[in-house]
């Protein structure tokens, strides 16, 4: 009897940990600084793009906030409930918050491909 109770409790814990992720959408993106002195490549000026570390915050229209840590590649992945979000990036290498390109709309089980969160260098 004890063993069945332990197995039942373990199954409930596992189910509780995974609940809620199936109804989320995936957001893939990059966090970077662009601008500054350009480089000349093949006779054209190319704008610098440097990946940033830090974190990206997604705020929904209803006020929910989700945060993801961004490593040195500048790439990030977020699982968000359905809704519309504004993304903002914060990096110790940049003096202020950096805005996402546009608001994003997340749908259940869908993927929002590559959203950029950009800091503009002076």
N, C-alpha and C. Protein backbone atom coordinates (compact mmCIF):
# COMPACT_ATOMS: atom_id res chain seq x y z
N UNK A 1 0.82 -1.20 0.00
CA UNK A 1 0.00 0.00 0.00
C UNK A 1 0.87 1.26 0.00
N UNK A 2 1.92 1.25 0.87
CA UNK A 2 2.81 2.40 0.93
C UNK A 2 3.47 2.66 -0.42
N UNK A 3 3.88 1.57 -1.05
CA UNK A 3 4.57 1.72 -2.33
C UNK A 3 3.64 2.34 -3.37
N UNK A 4 2.38 1.92 -3.42
CA UNK A 4 1.42 2.49 -4.38
C UNK A 4 1.19 3.97 -4.11
N UNK A 5 1.17 4.35 -2.84
CA UNK A 5 0.99 5.75 -2.47
C UNK A 5 2.18 6.59 -2.92
N UNK A 6 3.39 6.05 -2.75
CA UNK A 6 4.60 6.76 -3.16
C UNK A 6 4.62 6.93 -4.69
N UNK A 7 4.26 5.87 -5.42
CA UNK A 7 4.22 5.93 -6.87
C UNK A 7 3.18 6.96 -7.33
N UNK A 8 2.01 6.97 -6.68
CA UNK A 8 0.97 7.93 -7.03
C UNK A 8 1.43 9.36 -6.77
N UNK A 9 2.05 9.59 -5.62
CA UNK A 9 2.55 10.94 -5.31
C UNK A 9 3.63 11.37 -6.30
N UNK A 10 4.52 10.47 -6.66
CA UNK A 10 5.57 10.80 -7.62
C UNK A 10 4.96 11.16 -8.98
N UNK A 11 3.96 10.42 -9.41
CA UNK A 11 3.30 10.71 -10.69
C UNK A 11 2.62 12.07 -10.65
N UNK A 12 2.00 12.42 -9.53
CA UNK A 12 1.36 13.73 -9.41
C UNK A 12 2.38 14.86 -9.45
N UNK A 13 3.50 14.66 -8.80
CA UNK A 13 4.56 15.69 -8.82
C UNK A 13 5.09 15.89 -10.23
N UNK A 14 5.35 14.80 -10.93
CA UNK A 14 5.85 14.89 -12.30
C UNK A 14 4.82 15.57 -13.20
N UNK A 15 3.56 15.20 -13.06
CA UNK A 15 2.51 15.83 -13.87
C UNK A 15 2.39 17.31 -13.56
N UNK A 16 2.53 17.68 -12.31
CA UNK A 16 2.46 19.10 -11.93
C UNK A 16 3.60 19.91 -12.49
N UNK A 17 4.79 19.30 -12.57
CA UNK A 17 5.95 20.01 -13.11
C UNK A 17 5.82 20.24 -14.61
N UNK A 18 5.17 19.33 -15.31
CA UNK A 18 5.07 19.49 -16.76
C UNK A 18 3.80 20.21 -17.19
N UNK A 19 2.87 20.40 -16.28
CA UNK A 19 1.62 21.06 -16.65
C UNK A 19 1.89 22.51 -17.06
N UNK A 20 1.20 22.98 -18.05
CA UNK A 20 1.33 24.37 -18.45
C UNK A 20 2.30 24.62 -19.59
N UNK A 21 3.21 23.70 -19.86
CA UNK A 21 4.16 23.95 -20.95
C UNK A 21 3.56 23.60 -22.30
N UNK A 22 2.59 22.69 -22.34
CA UNK A 22 1.99 22.29 -23.61
C UNK A 22 1.18 23.41 -24.24
N UNK A 23 0.65 24.32 -23.42
CA UNK A 23 -0.18 25.39 -23.95
C UNK A 23 0.63 26.65 -24.27
N UNK A 24 1.94 26.54 -24.26
CA UNK A 24 2.78 27.70 -24.51
C UNK A 24 3.32 27.69 -25.93
N UNK A 25 3.77 28.86 -26.37
CA UNK A 25 4.42 28.99 -27.67
C UNK A 25 5.91 29.26 -27.45
N UNK A 26 6.71 28.96 -28.44
CA UNK A 26 8.16 29.15 -28.36
C UNK A 26 8.57 30.43 -29.05
N UNK A 27 9.38 31.23 -28.37
CA UNK A 27 9.93 32.46 -28.95
C UNK A 27 11.44 32.28 -29.04
N UNK A 28 11.99 32.38 -30.23
CA UNK A 28 13.43 32.32 -30.46
C UNK A 28 13.90 33.72 -30.83
N UNK A 29 15.05 34.12 -30.30
CA UNK A 29 15.50 35.46 -30.63
C UNK A 29 16.97 35.68 -30.38
N UNK A 30 17.39 36.92 -30.64
CA UNK A 30 18.77 37.32 -30.37
C UNK A 30 18.76 38.68 -29.69
N UNK A 31 19.77 38.88 -28.86
CA UNK A 31 19.95 40.11 -28.10
C UNK A 31 21.31 40.64 -28.52
N UNK A 32 21.35 41.83 -29.12
CA UNK A 32 22.61 42.33 -29.67
C UNK A 32 22.66 43.85 -29.66
N UNK A 33 23.88 44.35 -29.74
CA UNK A 33 24.13 45.78 -29.92
C UNK A 33 24.53 45.97 -31.38
N UNK A 34 23.94 46.95 -32.03
CA UNK A 34 24.30 47.25 -33.42
C UNK A 34 24.74 48.70 -33.51
N UNK A 35 25.49 48.98 -34.54
CA UNK A 35 25.93 50.35 -34.78
C UNK A 35 27.37 50.56 -34.37
N UNK A 36 27.70 51.81 -34.10
CA UNK A 36 29.08 52.16 -33.81
C UNK A 36 29.83 52.29 -35.11
N UNK A 37 31.15 52.38 -35.04
CA UNK A 37 31.93 52.52 -36.27
C UNK A 37 31.77 51.30 -37.16
N UNK A 38 31.41 51.51 -38.40
CA UNK A 38 31.23 50.40 -39.34
C UNK A 38 32.56 49.95 -39.92
N UNK A 39 32.53 48.81 -40.55
CA UNK A 39 33.70 48.28 -41.22
C UNK A 39 33.43 48.28 -42.72
N UNK A 40 34.47 48.48 -43.51
CA UNK A 40 34.30 48.44 -44.97
C UNK A 40 34.67 47.04 -45.44
N UNK A 41 33.70 46.37 -46.05
CA UNK A 41 33.88 45.02 -46.57
C UNK A 41 33.43 45.02 -48.02
N UNK A 42 34.32 44.70 -48.93
CA UNK A 42 33.97 44.67 -50.34
C UNK A 42 33.48 46.00 -50.88
N UNK A 43 34.02 47.09 -50.33
CA UNK A 43 33.63 48.42 -50.79
C UNK A 43 32.34 48.94 -50.17
N UNK A 44 31.72 48.16 -49.27
CA UNK A 44 30.48 48.60 -48.60
C UNK A 44 30.72 48.70 -47.10
N UNK A 45 30.04 49.66 -46.47
CA UNK A 45 30.14 49.79 -45.02
C UNK A 45 29.17 48.81 -44.37
N UNK A 46 29.69 48.00 -43.47
CA UNK A 46 28.90 46.99 -42.76
C UNK A 46 28.79 47.41 -41.30
N UNK A 47 27.57 47.44 -40.80
CA UNK A 47 27.32 47.83 -39.42
C UNK A 47 27.76 46.71 -38.48
N UNK A 48 28.41 47.09 -37.39
CA UNK A 48 28.81 46.11 -36.40
C UNK A 48 27.60 45.55 -35.67
N UNK A 49 27.65 44.28 -35.33
CA UNK A 49 26.62 43.61 -34.55
C UNK A 49 27.33 42.75 -33.52
N UNK A 50 27.12 43.08 -32.24
CA UNK A 50 27.79 42.37 -31.15
C UNK A 50 26.75 41.72 -30.25
N UNK A 51 26.81 40.38 -30.08
CA UNK A 51 25.88 39.73 -29.17
C UNK A 51 26.05 40.26 -27.75
N UNK A 52 24.95 40.37 -27.02
CA UNK A 52 24.98 40.85 -25.64
C UNK A 52 24.56 39.75 -24.67
N UNK A 53 25.17 39.76 -23.50
CA UNK A 53 24.73 38.91 -22.40
C UNK A 53 23.78 39.72 -21.53
N UNK A 54 23.04 39.05 -20.68
CA UNK A 54 22.14 39.74 -19.76
C UNK A 54 20.84 38.99 -19.64
N UNK A 55 19.74 39.70 -19.76
CA UNK A 55 18.44 39.03 -19.73
C UNK A 55 17.42 39.78 -20.58
N UNK A 56 16.45 39.03 -21.06
CA UNK A 56 15.36 39.57 -21.85
C UNK A 56 14.08 39.36 -21.07
N UNK A 57 13.26 40.40 -21.01
CA UNK A 57 11.99 40.37 -20.28
C UNK A 57 10.86 40.49 -21.28
N UNK A 58 9.88 39.60 -21.16
CA UNK A 58 8.66 39.66 -21.98
C UNK A 58 7.52 40.11 -21.07
N UNK A 59 6.84 41.20 -21.47
CA UNK A 59 5.70 41.71 -20.70
C UNK A 59 4.45 41.59 -21.55
N UNK A 60 3.43 40.94 -20.99
CA UNK A 60 2.18 40.77 -21.73
C UNK A 60 1.31 42.00 -21.55
N UNK A 61 0.31 42.12 -22.38
CA UNK A 61 -0.62 43.24 -22.28
C UNK A 61 -1.39 43.20 -20.96
N UNK A 62 -1.53 42.01 -20.38
CA UNK A 62 -2.26 41.89 -19.11
C UNK A 62 -1.36 42.09 -17.90
N UNK A 63 -0.05 42.34 -18.13
CA UNK A 63 0.86 42.64 -17.03
C UNK A 63 1.73 41.48 -16.56
N UNK A 64 1.59 40.29 -17.17
CA UNK A 64 2.44 39.17 -16.80
C UNK A 64 3.86 39.42 -17.29
N UNK A 65 4.85 38.99 -16.49
CA UNK A 65 6.26 39.23 -16.81
C UNK A 65 7.01 37.90 -16.79
N UNK A 66 7.81 37.66 -17.85
CA UNK A 66 8.62 36.46 -17.96
C UNK A 66 10.04 36.90 -18.31
N UNK A 67 11.04 36.24 -17.72
CA UNK A 67 12.44 36.63 -17.93
C UNK A 67 13.26 35.41 -18.33
N UNK A 68 14.22 35.63 -19.24
CA UNK A 68 15.15 34.58 -19.62
C UNK A 68 16.57 35.17 -19.58
N UNK A 69 17.52 34.37 -19.12
CA UNK A 69 18.93 34.77 -19.10
C UNK A 69 19.53 34.51 -20.48
N UNK A 70 20.34 35.46 -20.94
CA UNK A 70 20.97 35.35 -22.26
C UNK A 70 22.47 35.21 -22.08
N UNK A 71 23.04 34.15 -22.67
CA UNK A 71 24.47 33.90 -22.59
C UNK A 71 25.25 34.67 -23.63
N UNK A 72 26.54 34.36 -23.75
CA UNK A 72 27.42 35.15 -24.63
C UNK A 72 27.12 35.02 -26.11
N UNK A 73 26.34 34.01 -26.53
CA UNK A 73 25.96 33.90 -27.94
C UNK A 73 24.92 34.96 -28.32
N UNK A 74 24.22 35.49 -27.31
CA UNK A 74 23.17 36.46 -27.57
C UNK A 74 21.84 35.83 -27.96
N UNK A 75 21.82 34.51 -28.12
CA UNK A 75 20.60 33.80 -28.53
C UNK A 75 19.76 33.45 -27.30
N UNK A 76 18.44 33.49 -27.44
CA UNK A 76 17.58 33.09 -26.33
C UNK A 76 16.35 32.35 -26.83
N UNK A 77 15.73 31.63 -25.92
CA UNK A 77 14.51 30.85 -26.20
C UNK A 77 13.60 31.02 -25.00
N UNK A 78 12.34 31.34 -25.26
CA UNK A 78 11.35 31.51 -24.20
C UNK A 78 10.11 30.69 -24.53
N UNK A 79 9.51 30.10 -23.52
CA UNK A 79 8.20 29.46 -23.65
C UNK A 79 7.22 30.37 -22.95
N UNK A 80 6.25 30.90 -23.73
CA UNK A 80 5.31 31.87 -23.19
C UNK A 80 3.87 31.43 -23.41
N UNK A 81 2.99 31.75 -22.45
CA UNK A 81 1.57 31.48 -22.67
C UNK A 81 1.06 32.34 -23.83
N UNK A 82 -0.04 31.92 -24.46
CA UNK A 82 -0.59 32.71 -25.56
C UNK A 82 -0.86 34.15 -25.13
N UNK A 83 -0.59 35.09 -26.04
CA UNK A 83 -0.82 36.50 -25.77
C UNK A 83 0.10 37.37 -26.60
N UNK A 84 0.01 38.67 -26.37
CA UNK A 84 0.86 39.64 -27.06
C UNK A 84 1.85 40.19 -26.06
N UNK A 85 3.12 40.27 -26.46
CA UNK A 85 4.21 40.66 -25.57
C UNK A 85 5.09 41.73 -26.19
N UNK A 86 5.68 42.54 -25.33
CA UNK A 86 6.76 43.46 -25.69
C UNK A 86 8.01 42.92 -25.01
N UNK A 87 9.11 42.84 -25.77
CA UNK A 87 10.37 42.35 -25.21
C UNK A 87 11.32 43.50 -24.96
N UNK A 88 12.03 43.41 -23.85
CA UNK A 88 13.03 44.40 -23.48
C UNK A 88 14.27 43.66 -23.00
N UNK A 89 15.45 44.13 -23.42
CA UNK A 89 16.70 43.51 -23.01
C UNK A 89 17.48 44.40 -22.07
N UNK A 90 18.20 43.75 -21.14
CA UNK A 90 19.04 44.45 -20.18
C UNK A 90 20.39 43.75 -20.15
N UNK A 91 21.46 44.54 -20.33
CA UNK A 91 22.80 43.97 -20.34
C UNK A 91 23.73 44.82 -19.49
N UNK A 92 24.65 44.18 -18.76
CA UNK A 92 25.65 44.96 -18.03
C UNK A 92 26.62 45.70 -18.97
N UNK A 93 26.61 45.33 -20.25
CA UNK A 93 27.49 45.97 -21.23
C UNK A 93 26.84 47.15 -21.94
N UNK A 94 25.59 47.47 -21.58
CA UNK A 94 24.88 48.57 -22.23
C UNK A 94 24.17 49.39 -21.16
N UNK A 95 24.19 50.73 -21.25
CA UNK A 95 23.72 51.58 -20.15
C UNK A 95 22.21 51.60 -19.89
N UNK A 96 21.39 51.15 -20.78
CA UNK A 96 19.95 51.24 -20.54
C UNK A 96 19.20 50.07 -21.11
N UNK A 97 17.89 50.05 -20.97
CA UNK A 97 17.12 48.97 -21.56
C UNK A 97 17.10 49.09 -23.08
N UNK A 98 16.94 47.94 -23.74
CA UNK A 98 16.91 47.88 -25.20
C UNK A 98 15.59 47.24 -25.62
N UNK A 99 14.94 47.83 -26.58
CA UNK A 99 13.60 47.38 -26.97
C UNK A 99 13.63 46.33 -28.07
N UNK A 100 12.65 45.44 -28.05
CA UNK A 100 12.44 44.49 -29.14
C UNK A 100 11.94 45.23 -30.36
N UNK A 101 12.10 44.63 -31.52
CA UNK A 101 11.69 45.27 -32.78
C UNK A 101 10.21 45.61 -32.81
N UNK A 102 9.38 44.65 -32.46
CA UNK A 102 7.93 44.81 -32.52
C UNK A 102 7.31 44.02 -31.38
N UNK A 103 6.04 44.27 -31.13
CA UNK A 103 5.32 43.39 -30.23
C UNK A 103 5.20 42.04 -30.91
N UNK A 104 5.19 40.97 -30.12
CA UNK A 104 5.04 39.64 -30.69
C UNK A 104 3.75 39.01 -30.21
N UNK A 105 3.17 38.18 -31.04
CA UNK A 105 1.96 37.46 -30.67
C UNK A 105 2.31 35.98 -30.57
N UNK A 106 2.05 35.40 -29.41
CA UNK A 106 2.36 34.00 -29.16
C UNK A 106 1.06 33.21 -29.18
N UNK A 107 1.10 32.07 -29.87
CA UNK A 107 -0.06 31.18 -29.94
C UNK A 107 0.33 29.81 -29.41
N UNK A 108 -0.63 29.10 -28.89
CA UNK A 108 -0.40 27.77 -28.32
C UNK A 108 0.30 26.86 -29.32
N UNK A 109 1.42 26.26 -28.88
CA UNK A 109 2.13 25.28 -29.69
C UNK A 109 2.81 25.82 -30.93
N UNK A 110 2.82 27.11 -31.13
CA UNK A 110 3.44 27.70 -32.32
C UNK A 110 4.82 28.26 -31.97
N UNK A 111 5.58 28.53 -33.00
CA UNK A 111 6.91 29.10 -32.83
C UNK A 111 6.95 30.48 -33.46
N UNK A 112 7.38 31.47 -32.68
CA UNK A 112 7.64 32.81 -33.21
C UNK A 112 9.12 32.80 -33.56
N UNK A 113 9.43 32.88 -34.83
CA UNK A 113 10.82 32.73 -35.23
C UNK A 113 11.58 34.04 -35.16
N UNK A 114 12.68 33.95 -34.59
CA UNK A 114 13.71 34.98 -34.50
C UNK A 114 13.23 36.42 -34.36
N UNK A 115 13.04 36.80 -33.14
CA UNK A 115 12.74 38.20 -32.81
C UNK A 115 14.06 38.83 -32.33
N UNK A 116 14.34 40.04 -32.74
CA UNK A 116 15.57 40.72 -32.33
C UNK A 116 15.28 41.73 -31.23
N UNK A 117 16.13 41.72 -30.21
CA UNK A 117 16.13 42.76 -29.19
C UNK A 117 17.44 43.49 -29.38
N UNK A 118 17.36 44.77 -29.75
CA UNK A 118 18.52 45.52 -30.24
C UNK A 118 18.84 46.72 -29.34
N UNK A 119 20.13 46.89 -29.05
CA UNK A 119 20.65 48.09 -28.41
C UNK A 119 21.41 48.84 -29.50
N UNK A 120 21.20 50.14 -29.62
CA UNK A 120 21.86 50.90 -30.67
C UNK A 120 23.04 51.66 -30.09
N UNK A 121 24.23 51.39 -30.62
CA UNK A 121 25.45 52.04 -30.16
C UNK A 121 25.55 53.43 -30.77
N UNK A 122 26.10 54.34 -30.00
CA UNK A 122 26.27 55.72 -30.48
C UNK A 122 27.47 55.84 -31.38
